[in-house]
Amino acid sequence: MVVRLNYIARHWRGELSLAVSFWVNFVALNLLLLAARPMLQQELVALSLDDDPRWMARFALLNVVFVYGIIYPWQLVGVWRAARRYRVTRPRLRWDLASQVAVALSLLITAATVVPSAHTYRDIVSIGFGPDRYGAFSVRRTGDNDALLHFEGYLGYQAAREVRAALGEDPPVQAIVLDSPGGWIASGRGLARVIEEADLDTYSFAGCHSACVTAFLAGRNRYLADEARLGFHQYAVPFEGLDAYSSMTVEQYRDLQYYRRQGVRPEFLARLFQAPHEDAWFPTQRELIAARAISGVVRSEEVLFGWPADVSE
């Protein structure tokens, strides 16, 4: 550890040879970072669509600060100082000038790359530290003996966490009612995992749309009240600055594969993402039953006050 710290300090002071400072610490390290960047970006986007996006955004910002605020200045200063030292010891050779020109060009190229990405960093900051645009939701007990959990509102960042916390309280929960217009894709997937782990039945009394459908289809048995519908439409990137780093077509395919594993018929799945994001497709309950998306239709009052409810198919 001491040797590594000494190496870092010697580069910063310009005490390493110009060849090592330039070719190893500057060129080779930058090539390594450039090669790793696409994989890191892809992994961060994937994680943000499966877990809490705020932590992924904060990690991305930490990475930017570490690379551009610590590593890059360390590289530039070390090479520049090594070049000045080289000029004193070998004045007839101009490798010092060549390396300094390369460093200056690198700085200009980096600035030209980072500045146009300001909107991307702005959106990452908004995700990591801004308010949750889908944070308006509630989780409460309902039904006979409080055996039902009722989720109402948008699927915000904390949706899965709050449902998991509620499931840890007594009495045991037998099912969850999902009444939601949608929200974050990650929250729908996270809530689906919680529902699967708890082996819950799922209901909807007022409707379950967009990202909520993923959570609804995680139910062991799935029921809609007479007036409820499931709504489907294409996914959209919620932040314009992140559009280049994510593919909603890929994310839709991932969820289609999950729906297939949950027993939904393939011919029904082929129609799910045809409606544009600004619109929605609301299949009839008969179509949902035929597609095995729901197990049946119930009356909400029977579920709430006459558990278990009579089910019609």
Foldseek 3Di string as FASTA:
>chain_A
DVVVVVVLVCLLQLNDALCCLQVPLPVVVVVVCVVCVLVLLLVLVVVVLAAQNQVSLVVVVVVCCCVVVPSLVSSLNSNLNNLVVCCVVPVVDNVSVVSNVVSVVVVVVVCVVVVVLVLLNVVSCCSNPNDWPFPDKDWAFFFVLSQEIEIAGELTNCNLVVVLVVCPDPDHHAAYEYHYQYGRSNSLNSLLVSQLVSQHQYEYEAEAEDSVLSNQLSHPAHEYEPNYWYKAEQDDDPGPSCVVSDDSVVVLVVSLVVSVVSPFAPVVSVPRHPHHPVDIDTDDVVVCCVRVSHVFYFHPCCVRYPPPTDGDD
